[in-house]
């Protein structure tokens, strides 16, 4: 088993957390808005990915040697959740990183100095 799908999936999640915590430091993981966004994306990911990867009639198949055997729920490979987390977080980090002093992220210290942000 070479896990050529699983290892990058898990590693990408670790890398994006390290990038945020050590380099970007946007504070996105402290934001309720971020977690609400992740919950909404997770809901739709489970619906769509569950339909695409269900073992009873798969539309998308995976090489068993490239991933772990763990699937949750509705036969979704757990690696898909890690890649999804990484992709959504990377996009949101890039977006938040573009904030300016005139338009900071709502959880940024600059936003709170004028009475609580937006």
PDB file of N, CA and C in Angstrom:
ATOM      1  N   UNK A   1       0.844  -1.173   0.000  1.00  0.00           N
ATOM      2  CA  UNK A   1       0.000   0.000   0.000  1.00  0.00           C
ATOM      3  C   UNK A   1       0.893   1.240   0.000  1.00  0.00           C
ATOM      4  N   UNK A   2       0.790   2.074  -1.017  1.00  0.00           N
ATOM      5  CA  UNK A   2       1.669   3.240  -1.116  1.00  0.00           C
ATOM      6  C   UNK A   2       1.041   4.524  -0.587  1.00  0.00           C
ATOM      7  N   UNK A   3      -0.266   4.571  -0.447  1.00  0.00           N
ATOM      8  CA  UNK A   3      -0.965   5.719   0.130  1.00  0.00           C
ATOM      9  C   UNK A   3      -0.639   7.047  -0.552  1.00  0.00           C
ATOM     10  N   UNK A   4      -0.531   7.025  -1.879  1.00  0.00           N
ATOM     11  CA  UNK A   4      -0.195   8.235  -2.614  1.00  0.00           C
ATOM     12  C   UNK A   4      -1.314   9.274  -2.625  1.00  0.00           C
ATOM     13  N   UNK A   5      -2.489   8.909  -2.184  1.00  0.00           N
ATOM     14  CA  UNK A   5      -3.580   9.871  -2.028  1.00  0.00           C
ATOM     15  C   UNK A   5      -3.701  10.279  -0.561  1.00  0.00           C
ATOM     16  N   UNK A   6      -3.539   9.334   0.328  1.00  0.00           N
ATOM     17  CA  UNK A   6      -3.740   9.583   1.758  1.00  0.00           C
ATOM     18  C   UNK A   6      -2.666  10.487   2.355  1.00  0.00           C
ATOM     19  N   UNK A   7      -1.420  10.206   2.087  1.00  0.00           N
ATOM     20  CA  UNK A   7      -0.336  10.975   2.708  1.00  0.00           C
ATOM     21  C   UNK A   7      -0.403  12.458   2.320  1.00  0.00           C
ATOM     22  N   UNK A   8      -0.545  12.811   1.044  1.00  0.00           N
ATOM     23  CA  UNK A   8      -0.679  14.238   0.725  1.00  0.00           C
ATOM     24  C   UNK A   8      -1.927  14.874   1.340  1.00  0.00           C
ATOM     25  N   UNK A   9      -3.001  14.112   1.472  1.00  0.00           N
ATOM     26  CA  UNK A   9      -4.219  14.661   2.075  1.00  0.00           C
ATOM     27  C   UNK A   9      -3.968  15.054   3.522  1.00  0.00           C
ATOM     28  N   UNK A  10      -3.391  14.150   4.292  1.00  0.00           N
ATOM     29  CA  UNK A  10      -3.119  14.438   5.689  1.00  0.00           C
ATOM     30  C   UNK A  10      -2.054  15.529   5.827  1.00  0.00           C
ATOM     31  N   UNK A  11      -1.011  15.443   5.028  1.00  0.00           N
ATOM     32  CA  UNK A  11       0.069  16.427   5.089  1.00  0.00           C
ATOM     33  C   UNK A  11      -0.419  17.827   4.719  1.00  0.00           C
ATOM     34  N   UNK A  12      -1.313  17.916   3.746  1.00  0.00           N
ATOM     35  CA  UNK A  12      -1.804  19.230   3.323  1.00  0.00           C
ATOM     36  C   UNK A  12      -2.555  19.930   4.444  1.00  0.00           C
ATOM     37  N   UNK A  13      -3.304  19.174   5.231  1.00  0.00           N
ATOM     38  CA  UNK A  13      -4.035  19.770   6.356  1.00  0.00           C
ATOM     39  C   UNK A  13      -3.058  20.296   7.408  1.00  0.00           C
ATOM     40  N   UNK A  14      -2.024  19.529   7.689  1.00  0.00           N
ATOM     41  CA  UNK A  14      -1.017  19.969   8.652  1.00  0.00           C
ATOM     42  C   UNK A  14      -0.304  21.211   8.126  1.00  0.00           C
ATOM     43  N   UNK A  15       0.057  21.206   6.866  1.00  0.00           N
ATOM     44  CA  UNK A  15       0.785  22.335   6.271  1.00  0.00           C
ATOM     45  C   UNK A  15      -0.050  23.611   6.336  1.00  0.00           C
ATOM     46  N   UNK A  16      -1.336  23.541   6.022  1.00  0.00           N
ATOM     47  CA  UNK A  16      -2.152  24.756   6.006  1.00  0.00           C
ATOM     48  C   UNK A  16      -2.322  25.316   7.417  1.00  0.00           C
ATOM     49  N   UNK A  17      -2.407  24.444   8.418  1.00  0.00           N
ATOM     50  CA  UNK A  17      -2.497  24.913   9.806  1.00  0.00           C
ATOM     51  C   UNK A  17      -1.171  25.572  10.214  1.00  0.00           C
ATOM     52  N   UNK A  18      -0.062  24.956   9.860  1.00  0.00           N
ATOM     53  CA  UNK A  18       1.245  25.533  10.182  1.00  0.00           C
ATOM     54  C   UNK A  18       1.437  26.867   9.475  1.00  0.00           C
ATOM     55  N   UNK A  19       1.050  26.960   8.216  1.00  0.00           N
ATOM     56  CA  UNK A  19       1.166  28.215   7.467  1.00  0.00           C
ATOM     57  C   UNK A  19       0.383  29.320   8.172  1.00  0.00           C
ATOM     58  N   UNK A  20      -0.824  29.006   8.621  1.00  0.00           N
ATOM     59  CA  UNK A  20      -1.629  30.012   9.327  1.00  0.00           C
ATOM     60  C   UNK A  20      -1.006  30.382  10.670  1.00  0.00           C
ATOM     61  N   UNK A  21      -0.629  29.395  11.440  1.00  0.00           N
ATOM     62  CA  UNK A  21      -0.141  29.650  12.800  1.00  0.00           C
ATOM     63  C   UNK A  21       1.249  30.298  12.837  1.00  0.00           C
ATOM     64  N   UNK A  22       2.121  29.947  11.890  1.00  0.00           N
ATOM     65  CA  UNK A  22       3.509  30.413  11.944  1.00  0.00           C
ATOM     66  C   UNK A  22       3.812  31.581  11.012  1.00  0.00           C
ATOM     67  N   UNK A  23       3.062  31.668   9.894  1.00  0.00           N
ATOM     68  CA  UNK A  23       3.443  32.655   8.891  1.00  0.00           C
ATOM     69  C   UNK A  23       2.367  33.721   8.699  1.00  0.00           C
ATOM     70  N   UNK A  24       1.169  33.338   8.324  1.00  0.00           N
ATOM     71  CA  UNK A  24       0.127  34.318   8.014  1.00  0.00           C
ATOM     72  C   UNK A  24      -0.446  34.981   9.270  1.00  0.00           C
ATOM     73  N   UNK A  25      -0.759  34.191  10.257  1.00  0.00           N
ATOM     74  CA  UNK A  25      -1.287  34.681  11.532  1.00  0.00           C
ATOM     75  C   UNK A  25      -2.474  35.626  11.360  1.00  0.00           C
ATOM     76  N   UNK A  26      -3.448  35.195  10.596  1.00  0.00           N
ATOM     77  CA  UNK A  26      -4.647  36.010  10.379  1.00  0.00           C
ATOM     78  C   UNK A  26      -5.639  35.884  11.521  1.00  0.00           C
ATOM     79  N   UNK A  27      -5.546  34.833  12.308  1.00  0.00           N
ATOM     80  CA  UNK A  27      -6.500  34.594  13.375  1.00  0.00           C
ATOM     81  C   UNK A  27      -7.777  33.934  12.896  1.00  0.00           C
ATOM     82  N   UNK A  28      -7.757  33.402  11.701  1.00  0.00           N
ATOM     83  CA  UNK A  28      -8.971  32.839  11.104  1.00  0.00           C
ATOM     84  C   UNK A  28      -9.551  31.681  11.915  1.00  0.00           C
ATOM     85  N   UNK A  29      -8.717  30.901  12.570  1.00  0.00           N
ATOM     86  CA  UNK A  29      -9.210  29.757  13.336  1.00  0.00           C
ATOM     87  C   UNK A  29      -9.952  30.180  14.605  1.00  0.00           C
ATOM     88  N   UNK A  30      -9.820  31.439  15.001  1.00  0.00           N
ATOM     89  CA  UNK A  30     -10.566  31.962  16.149  1.00  0.00           C
ATOM     90  C   UNK A  30     -11.896  32.585  15.739  1.00  0.00           C
ATOM     91  N   UNK A  31     -12.149  32.655  14.459  1.00  0.00           N
ATOM     92  CA  UNK A  31     -13.347  33.331  13.966  1.00  0.00           C
ATOM     93  C   UNK A  31     -14.553  32.397  13.885  1.00  0.00           C
ATOM     94  N   UNK A  32     -15.659  32.754  14.512  1.00  0.00           N
ATOM     95  CA  UNK A  32     -16.877  31.960  14.331  1.00  0.00           C
ATOM     96  C   UNK A  32     -17.314  31.919  12.865  1.00  0.00           C
ATOM     97  N   UNK A  33     -17.061  32.987  12.128  1.00  0.00           N
ATOM     98  CA  UNK A  33     -17.431  33.018  10.701  1.00  0.00           C
ATOM     99  C   UNK A  33     -16.726  31.905   9.924  1.00  0.00           C
ATOM    100  N   UNK A  34     -15.471  31.671  10.247  1.00  0.00           N
ATOM    101  CA  UNK A  34     -14.715  30.609   9.589  1.00  0.00           C
ATOM    102  C   UNK A  34     -15.362  29.254   9.861  1.00  0.00           C
ATOM    103  N   UNK A  35     -15.689  28.999  11.124  1.00  0.00           N
ATOM    104  CA  UNK A  35     -16.249  27.701  11.491  1.00  0.00           C
ATOM    105  C   UNK A  35     -17.659  27.518  10.944  1.00  0.00           C
ATOM    106  N   UNK A  36     -18.443  28.592  10.861  1.00  0.00           N
ATOM    107  CA  UNK A  36     -19.760  28.500  10.207  1.00  0.00           C
ATOM    108  C   UNK A  36     -19.580  28.156   8.728  1.00  0.00           C
ATOM    109  N   UNK A  37     -18.615  28.795   8.103  1.00  0.00           N
ATOM    110  CA  UNK A  37     -18.327  28.515   6.687  1.00  0.00           C
ATOM    111  C   UNK A  37     -17.920  27.062   6.500  1.00  0.00           C
ATOM    112  N   UNK A  38     -17.058  26.577   7.374  1.00  0.00           N
ATOM    113  CA  UNK A  38     -16.624  25.186   7.275  1.00  0.00           C
ATOM    114  C   UNK A  38     -17.796  24.226   7.477  1.00  0.00           C
ATOM    115  N   UNK A  39     -18.694  24.538   8.390  1.00  0.00           N
ATOM    116  CA  UNK A  39     -19.852  23.675   8.630  1.00  0.00           C
ATOM    117  C   UNK A  39     -20.770  23.632   7.410  1.00  0.00           C
ATOM    118  N   UNK A  40     -21.000  24.782   6.794  1.00  0.00           N
ATOM    119  CA  UNK A  40     -21.837  24.826   5.587  1.00  0.00           C
ATOM    120  C   UNK A  40     -21.181  24.026   4.471  1.00  0.00           C
ATOM    121  N   UNK A  41     -19.882  24.229   4.263  1.00  0.00           N
ATOM    122  CA  UNK A  41     -19.164  23.483   3.219  1.00  0.00           C
ATOM    123  C   UNK A  41     -19.162  21.991   3.515  1.00  0.00           C
ATOM    124  N   UNK A  42     -18.980  21.626   4.765  1.00  0.00           N
ATOM    125  CA  UNK A  42     -18.983  20.213   5.146  1.00  0.00           C
ATOM    126  C   UNK A  42     -20.340  19.572   4.861  1.00  0.00           C
ATOM    127  N   UNK A  43     -21.407  20.274   5.168  1.00  0.00           N
ATOM    128  CA  UNK A  43     -22.747  19.755   4.909  1.00  0.00           C
ATOM    129  C   UNK A  43     -22.921  19.403   3.434  1.00  0.00           C
ATOM    130  N   UNK A  44     -22.573  20.343   2.556  1.00  0.00           N
ATOM    131  CA  UNK A  44     -22.739  20.092   1.132  1.00  0.00           C
ATOM    132  C   UNK A  44     -21.713  19.088   0.600  1.00  0.00           C
ATOM    133  N   UNK A  45     -20.525  19.083   1.184  1.00  0.00           N
ATOM    134  CA  UNK A  45     -19.528  18.099   0.780  1.00  0.00           C
ATOM    135  C   UNK A  45     -20.011  16.683   1.082  1.00  0.00           C
ATOM    136  N   UNK A  46     -20.604  16.499   2.253  1.00  0.00           N
ATOM    137  CA  UNK A  46     -21.107  15.174   2.617  1.00  0.00           C
ATOM    138  C   UNK A  46     -22.214  14.746   1.656  1.00  0.00           C
ATOM    139  N   UNK A  47     -23.105  15.662   1.330  1.00  0.00           N
ATOM    140  CA  UNK A  47     -24.182  15.314   0.396  1.00  0.00           C
ATOM    141  C   UNK A  47     -23.643  14.914  -0.979  1.00  0.00           C
ATOM    142  N   UNK A  48     -22.810  15.765  -1.540  1.00  0.00           N
ATOM    143  CA  UNK A  48     -22.317  15.525  -2.903  1.00  0.00           C
ATOM    144  C   UNK A  48     -21.298  14.395  -2.938  1.00  0.00           C
ATOM    145  N   UNK A  49     -20.316  14.448  -2.049  1.00  0.00           N
ATOM    146  CA  UNK A  49     -19.277  13.423  -2.049  1.00  0.00           C
ATOM    147  C   UNK A  49     -19.850  12.066  -1.673  1.00  0.00           C
ATOM    148  N   UNK A  50     -20.817  12.050  -0.761  1.00  0.00           N
ATOM    149  CA  UNK A  50     -21.462  10.791  -0.404  1.00  0.00           C
ATOM    150  C   UNK A  50     -22.148  10.147  -1.596  1.00  0.00           C
ATOM    151  N   UNK A  51     -22.786  10.962  -2.413  1.00  0.00           N
ATOM    152  CA  UNK A  51     -23.457  10.456  -3.615  1.00  0.00           C
ATOM    153  C   UNK A  51     -22.433   9.993  -4.655  1.00  0.00           C
ATOM    154  N   UNK A  52     -21.343  10.722  -4.798  1.00  0.00           N
ATOM    155  CA  UNK A  52     -20.343  10.387  -5.816  1.00  0.00           C
ATOM    156  C   UNK A  52     -19.520   9.146  -5.471  1.00  0.00           C
ATOM    157  N   UNK A  53     -19.294   8.907  -4.186  1.00  0.00           N
ATOM    158  CA  UNK A  53     -18.375   7.828  -3.796  1.00  0.00           C
ATOM    159  C   UNK A  53     -19.048   6.635  -3.137  1.00  0.00           C
ATOM    160  N   UNK A  54     -20.372   6.625  -3.072  1.00  0.00           N
ATOM    161  CA  UNK A  54     -21.051   5.506  -2.385  1.00  0.00           C
ATOM    162  C   UNK A  54     -20.637   4.178  -3.021  1.00  0.00           C
ATOM    163  N   UNK A  55     -20.370   3.229  -2.189  1.00  0.00           N
ATOM    164  CA  UNK A  55     -19.868   1.942  -2.664  1.00  0.00           C
ATOM    165  C   UNK A  55     -20.923   1.142  -3.421  1.00  0.00           C
ATOM    166  N   UNK A  56     -22.201   1.424  -3.180  1.00  0.00           N
ATOM    167  CA  UNK A  56     -23.269   0.673  -3.854  1.00  0.00           C
ATOM    168  C   UNK A  56     -23.357   1.008  -5.343  1.00  0.00           C
ATOM    169  N   UNK A  57     -23.018   2.221  -5.737  1.00  0.00           N
ATOM    170  CA  UNK A  57     -23.040   2.624  -7.148  1.00  0.00           C
ATOM    171  C   UNK A  57     -22.110   3.821  -7.330  1.00  0.00           C
ATOM    172  N   UNK A  58     -20.800   3.592  -7.250  1.00  0.00           N
ATOM    173  CA  UNK A  58     -19.868   4.725  -7.282  1.00  0.00           C
ATOM    174  C   UNK A  58     -19.777   5.388  -8.650  1.00  0.00           C
ATOM    175  N   UNK A  59     -19.706   6.696  -8.620  1.00  0.00           N
ATOM    176  CA  UNK A  59     -19.426   7.480  -9.818  1.00  0.00           C
ATOM    177  C   UNK A  59     -17.927   7.760  -9.868  1.00  0.00           C
ATOM    178  N   UNK A  60     -17.363   8.007  -8.696  1.00  0.00           N
ATOM    179  CA  UNK A  60     -15.922   8.221  -8.550  1.00  0.00           C
ATOM    180  C   UNK A  60     -15.359   7.030  -7.785  1.00  0.00           C
ATOM    181  N   UNK A  61     -14.303   6.437  -8.306  1.00  0.00           N
ATOM    182  CA  UNK A  61     -13.661   5.318  -7.622  1.00  0.00           C
ATOM    183  C   UNK A  61     -12.215   5.685  -7.301  1.00  0.00           C
ATOM    184  N   UNK A  62     -11.675   5.011  -6.317  1.00  0.00           N
ATOM    185  CA  UNK A  62     -10.308   5.251  -5.873  1.00  0.00           C
ATOM    186  C   UNK A  62      -9.533   3.949  -5.928  1.00  0.00           C
ATOM    187  N   UNK A  63      -8.255   4.048  -6.211  1.00  0.00           N
ATOM    188  CA  UNK A  63      -7.377   2.897  -6.151  1.00  0.00           C
ATOM    189  C   UNK A  63      -7.158   2.567  -4.677  1.00  0.00           C
ATOM    190  N   UNK A  64      -7.533   1.382  -4.265  1.00  0.00           N
ATOM    191  CA  UNK A  64      -7.452   0.993  -2.856  1.00  0.00           C
ATOM    192  C   UNK A  64      -6.029   1.066  -2.309  1.00  0.00           C
ATOM    193  N   UNK A  65      -5.025   0.932  -3.148  1.00  0.00           N
ATOM    194  CA  UNK A  65      -3.640   1.004  -2.687  1.00  0.00           C
ATOM    195  C   UNK A  65      -3.189   2.435  -2.408  1.00  0.00           C
ATOM    196  N   UNK A  66      -3.944   3.421  -2.864  1.00  0.00           N
ATOM    197  CA  UNK A  66      -3.529   4.811  -2.754  1.00  0.00           C
ATOM    198  C   UNK A  66      -4.164   5.538  -1.571  1.00  0.00           C
ATOM    199  N   UNK A  67      -5.082   4.886  -0.863  1.00  0.00           N
ATOM    200  CA  UNK A  67      -5.788   5.544   0.228  1.00  0.00           C
ATOM    201  C   UNK A  67      -5.999   4.581   1.379  1.00  0.00           C
ATOM    202  N   UNK A  68      -6.442   5.125   2.485  1.00  0.00           N
ATOM    203  CA  UNK A  68      -6.759   4.282   3.633  1.00  0.00           C
ATOM    204  C   UNK A  68      -8.106   3.602   3.395  1.00  0.00           C
ATOM    205  N   UNK A  69      -8.416   2.557   4.108  1.00  0.00           N
ATOM    206  CA  UNK A  69      -9.718   1.907   3.940  1.00  0.00           C
ATOM    207  C   UNK A  69     -10.840   2.607   4.709  1.00  0.00           C
ATOM    208  N   UNK A  70     -10.537   3.672   5.428  1.00  0.00           N
ATOM    209  CA  UNK A  70     -11.523   4.331   6.272  1.00  0.00           C
ATOM    210  C   UNK A  70     -12.452   5.211   5.454  1.00  0.00           C
ATOM    211  N   UNK A  71     -13.741   5.012   5.651  1.00  0.00           N
ATOM    212  CA  UNK A  71     -14.768   5.805   4.967  1.00  0.00           C
ATOM    213  C   UNK A  71     -15.813   6.223   5.988  1.00  0.00           C
ATOM    214  N   UNK A  72     -16.250   7.477   5.891  1.00  0.00           N
ATOM    215  CA  UNK A  72     -17.246   7.985   6.832  1.00  0.00           C
ATOM    216  C   UNK A  72     -17.924   9.198   6.240  1.00  0.00           C
ATOM    217  N   UNK A  73     -19.094   9.532   6.503  1.00  0.00           N
ATOM    218  CA  UNK A  73     -20.263   8.649   6.442  1.00  0.00           C
ATOM    219  C   UNK A  73     -20.579   8.373   4.982  1.00  0.00           C
ATOM    220  N   UNK A  74     -21.456   7.516   4.721  1.00  0.00           N
ATOM    221  CA  UNK A  74     -21.896   7.169   3.364  1.00  0.00           C
ATOM    222  C   UNK A  74     -20.726   6.877   2.435  1.00  0.00           C
ATOM    223  N   UNK A  75     -19.754   6.196   2.921  1.00  0.00           N
ATOM    224  CA  UNK A  75     -18.644   5.709   2.101  1.00  0.00           C
ATOM    225  C   UNK A  75     -17.710   6.796   1.572  1.00  0.00           C
ATOM    226  N   UNK A  76     -17.661   7.943   2.225  1.00  0.00           N
ATOM    227  CA  UNK A  76     -16.753   9.006   1.792  1.00  0.00           C
ATOM    228  C   UNK A  76     -15.361   8.709   2.345  1.00  0.00           C
ATOM    229  N   UNK A  77     -14.344   8.641   1.478  1.00  0.00           N
ATOM    230  CA  UNK A  77     -12.973   8.436   1.974  1.00  0.00           C
ATOM    231  C   UNK A  77     -12.570   9.600   2.881  1.00  0.00           C
ATOM    232  N   UNK A  78     -11.981   9.292   4.032  1.00  0.00           N
ATOM    233  CA  UNK A  78     -11.651  10.369   4.963  1.00  0.00           C
ATOM    234  C   UNK A  78     -10.624  11.337   4.384  1.00  0.00           C
ATOM    235  N   UNK A  79      -9.841  10.882   3.438  1.00  0.00           N
ATOM    236  CA  UNK A  79      -8.867  11.774   2.797  1.00  0.00           C
ATOM    237  C   UNK A  79      -9.551  12.964   2.133  1.00  0.00           C
ATOM    238  N   UNK A  80     -10.760  12.755   1.626  1.00  0.00           N
ATOM    239  CA  UNK A  80     -11.489  13.846   0.972  1.00  0.00           C
ATOM    240  C   UNK A  80     -11.787  14.980   1.946  1.00  0.00           C
ATOM    241  N   UNK A  81     -12.024  14.651   3.208  1.00  0.00           N
ATOM    242  CA  UNK A  81     -12.277  15.689   4.204  1.00  0.00           C
ATOM    243  C   UNK A  81     -11.023  16.524   4.461  1.00  0.00           C
ATOM    244  N   UNK A  82      -9.869  15.872   4.479  1.00  0.00           N
ATOM    245  CA  UNK A  82      -8.625  16.600   4.702  1.00  0.00           C
ATOM    246  C   UNK A  82      -8.299  17.510   3.523  1.00  0.00           C
ATOM    247  N   UNK A  83      -8.474  17.005   2.304  1.00  0.00           N
ATOM    248  CA  UNK A  83      -8.254  17.871   1.137  1.00  0.00           C
ATOM    249  C   UNK A  83      -9.268  19.007   1.109  1.00  0.00           C
ATOM    250  N   UNK A  84     -10.508  18.720   1.445  1.00  0.00           N
ATOM    251  CA  UNK A  84     -11.529  19.767   1.477  1.00  0.00           C
ATOM    252  C   UNK A  84     -11.187  20.845   2.488  1.00  0.00           C
ATOM    253  N   UNK A  85     -10.785  20.439   3.687  1.00  0.00           N
ATOM    254  CA  UNK A  85     -10.366  21.392   4.714  1.00  0.00           C
ATOM    255  C   UNK A  85      -9.231  22.263   4.202  1.00  0.00           C
ATOM    256  N   UNK A  86      -8.241  21.635   3.578  1.00  0.00           N
ATOM    257  CA  UNK A  86      -7.084  22.369   3.079  1.00  0.00           C
ATOM    258  C   UNK A  86      -7.478  23.364   2.003  1.00  0.00           C
ATOM    259  N   UNK A  87      -8.261  22.930   1.041  1.00  0.00           N
ATOM    260  CA  UNK A  87      -8.621  23.815  -0.068  1.00  0.00           C
ATOM    261  C   UNK A  87      -9.475  24.993   0.392  1.00  0.00           C
ATOM    262  N   UNK A  88     -10.467  24.725   1.211  1.00  0.00           N
ATOM    263  CA  UNK A  88     -11.335  25.811   1.688  1.00  0.00           C
ATOM    264  C   UNK A  88     -10.539  26.776   2.563  1.00  0.00           C
ATOM    265  N   UNK A  89      -9.733  26.244   3.462  1.00  0.00           N
ATOM    266  CA  UNK A  89      -8.946  27.099   4.348  1.00  0.00           C
ATOM    267  C   UNK A  89      -7.925  27.919   3.563  1.00  0.00           C
ATOM    268  N   UNK A  90      -7.279  27.321   2.591  1.00  0.00           N
ATOM    269  CA  UNK A  90      -6.290  28.058   1.789  1.00  0.00           C
ATOM    270  C   UNK A  90      -6.940  29.224   1.052  1.00  0.00           C
ATOM    271  N   UNK A  91      -8.105  29.004   0.485  1.00  0.00           N
ATOM    272  CA  UNK A  91      -8.807  30.079  -0.220  1.00  0.00           C
ATOM    273  C   UNK A  91      -9.206  31.181   0.753  1.00  0.00           C
ATOM    274  N   UNK A  92      -9.753  30.805   1.899  1.00  0.00           N
ATOM    275  CA  UNK A  92     -10.160  31.809   2.879  1.00  0.00           C
ATOM    276  C   UNK A  92      -8.959  32.571   3.440  1.00  0.00           C
ATOM    277  N   UNK A  93      -7.849  31.880   3.646  1.00  0.00           N
ATOM    278  CA  UNK A  93      -6.644  32.570   4.109  1.00  0.00           C
ATOM    279  C   UNK A  93      -6.148  33.581   3.071  1.00  0.00           C
ATOM    280  N   UNK A  94      -6.175  33.194   1.821  1.00  0.00           N
ATOM    281  CA  UNK A  94      -5.761  34.125   0.764  1.00  0.00           C
ATOM    282  C   UNK A  94      -6.689  35.334   0.721  1.00  0.00           C
ATOM    283  N   UNK A  95      -7.962  35.099   0.910  1.00  0.00           N
ATOM    284  CA  UNK A  95      -8.945  36.168   0.883  1.00  0.00           C
ATOM    285  C   UNK A  95      -8.746  37.107   2.077  1.00  0.00           C
ATOM    286  N   UNK A  96      -8.626  36.535   3.263  1.00  0.00           N
ATOM    287  CA  UNK A  96      -8.457  37.341   4.469  1.00  0.00           C
ATOM    288  C   UNK A  96      -7.134  38.089   4.429  1.00  0.00           C
ATOM    289  N   UNK A  97      -6.134  37.477   3.869  1.00  0.00           N
ATOM    290  CA  UNK A  97      -4.806  38.106   3.790  1.00  0.00           C
ATOM    291  C   UNK A  97      -4.845  39.390   2.979  1.00  0.00           C
ATOM    292  N   UNK A  98      -5.832  39.532   2.122  1.00  0.00           N
ATOM    293  CA  UNK A  98      -5.959  40.730   1.290  1.00  0.00           C
ATOM    294  C   UNK A  98      -6.665  41.872   2.013  1.00  0.00           C
ATOM    295  N   UNK A  99      -7.092  41.646   3.262  1.00  0.00           N
ATOM    296  CA  UNK A  99      -7.739  42.710   4.017  1.00  0.00           C
ATOM    297  C   UNK A  99      -6.811  43.910   4.131  1.00  0.00           C
ATOM    298  N   UNK A 100      -7.412  45.074   4.213  1.00  0.00           N
ATOM    299  CA  UNK A 100      -6.638  46.313   4.345  1.00  0.00           C
ATOM    300  C   UNK A 100      -6.945  46.959   5.686  1.00  0.00           C
ATOM    301  N   UNK A 101      -6.225  48.008   6.003  1.00  0.00           N
ATOM    302  CA  UNK A 101      -6.496  48.729   7.244  1.00  0.00           C
ATOM    303  C   UNK A 101      -7.891  49.343   7.213  1.00  0.00           C
ATOM    304  N   UNK A 102      -8.348  49.748   6.042  1.00  0.00           N
ATOM    305  CA  UNK A 102      -9.690  50.329   5.913  1.00  0.00           C
ATOM    306  C   UNK A 102     -10.780  49.277   5.985  1.00  0.00           C
ATOM    307  N   UNK A 103     -10.441  48.026   5.676  1.00  0.00           N
ATOM    308  CA  UNK A 103     -11.434  46.947   5.640  1.00  0.00           C
ATOM    309  C   UNK A 103     -10.826  45.676   6.229  1.00  0.00           C
ATOM    310  N   UNK A 104     -10.593  45.652   7.555  1.00  0.00           N
ATOM    311  CA  UNK A 104      -9.962  44.479   8.175  1.00  0.00           C
ATOM    312  C   UNK A 104     -10.949  43.336   8.365  1.00  0.00           C
ATOM    313  N   UNK A 105     -10.416  42.161   8.623  1.00  0.00           N
ATOM    314  CA  UNK A 105     -11.258  41.013   8.978  1.00  0.00           C
ATOM    315  C   UNK A 105     -12.007  41.350  10.263  1.00  0.00           C
ATOM    316  N   UNK A 106     -13.240  40.853  10.432  1.00  0.00           N
ATOM    317  CA  UNK A 106     -14.031  41.225  11.610  1.00  0.00           C
ATOM    318  C   UNK A 106     -13.405  40.830  12.944  1.00  0.00           C
ATOM    319  N   UNK A 107     -12.555  39.827  12.960  1.00  0.00           N
ATOM    320  CA  UNK A 107     -11.949  39.401  14.220  1.00  0.00           C
ATOM    321  C   UNK A 107     -10.579  40.017  14.457  1.00  0.00           C
ATOM    322  N   UNK A 108     -10.113  40.829  13.494  1.00  0.00           N
ATOM    323  CA  UNK A 108      -8.801  41.459  13.621  1.00  0.00           C
ATOM    324  C   UNK A 108      -8.828  42.515  14.729  1.00  0.00           C
ATOM    325  N   UNK A 109      -7.712  42.690  15.444  1.00  0.00           N
ATOM    326  CA  UNK A 109      -7.676  43.700  16.512  1.00  0.00           C
ATOM    327  C   UNK A 109      -8.045  45.094  16.019  1.00  0.00           C
ATOM    328  N   UNK A 110      -7.668  45.433  14.783  1.00  0.00           N
ATOM    329  CA  UNK A 110      -7.982  46.756  14.242  1.00  0.00           C
ATOM    330  C   UNK A 110      -9.501  46.959  14.120  1.00  0.00           C
ATOM    331  N   UNK A 111     -10.219  45.887  13.818  1.00  0.00           N
ATOM    332  CA  UNK A 111     -11.666  45.988  13.639  1.00  0.00           C
ATOM    333  C   UNK A 111     -12.344  46.240  14.980  1.00  0.00           C
ATOM    334  N   UNK A 112     -11.791  45.718  16.066  1.00  0.00           N
ATOM    335  CA  UNK A 112     -12.408  45.844  17.378  1.00  0.00           C
ATOM    336  C   UNK A 112     -12.119  47.210  18.012  1.00  0.00           C
ATOM    337  N   UNK A 113     -11.089  47.894  17.563  1.00  0.00           N
ATOM    338  CA  UNK A 113     -10.713  49.150  18.199  1.00  0.00           C
ATOM    339  C   UNK A 113     -11.782  50.235  18.035  1.00  0.00           C
ATOM    340  N   UNK A 114     -12.643  50.108  17.026  1.00  0.00           N
ATOM    341  CA  UNK A 114     -13.665  51.120  16.829  1.00  0.00           C
ATOM    342  C   UNK A 114     -15.028  50.692  17.390  1.00  0.00           C
ATOM    343  N   UNK A 115     -15.032  49.727  18.298  1.00  0.00           N
ATOM    344  CA  UNK A 115     -16.283  49.375  18.948  1.00  0.00           C
ATOM    345  C   UNK A 115     -16.846  48.033  18.558  1.00  0.00           C
ATOM    346  N   UNK A 116     -16.040  47.117  18.098  1.00  0.00           N
ATOM    347  CA  UNK A 116     -16.546  45.769  17.887  1.00  0.00           C
ATOM    348  C   UNK A 116     -16.542  45.269  16.479  1.00  0.00           C
ATOM    349  N   UNK A 117     -15.966  45.980  15.558  1.00  0.00           N
ATOM    350  CA  UNK A 117     -15.912  45.456  14.183  1.00  0.00           C
ATOM    351  C   UNK A 117     -17.119  45.837  13.368  1.00  0.00           C
ATOM    352  N   UNK A 118     -17.371  45.062  12.361  1.00  0.00           N
ATOM    353  CA  UNK A 118     -18.447  45.380  11.409  1.00  0.00           C
ATOM    354  C   UNK A 118     -19.797  45.155  11.988  1.00  0.00           C
TER     355      UNK A 118
END
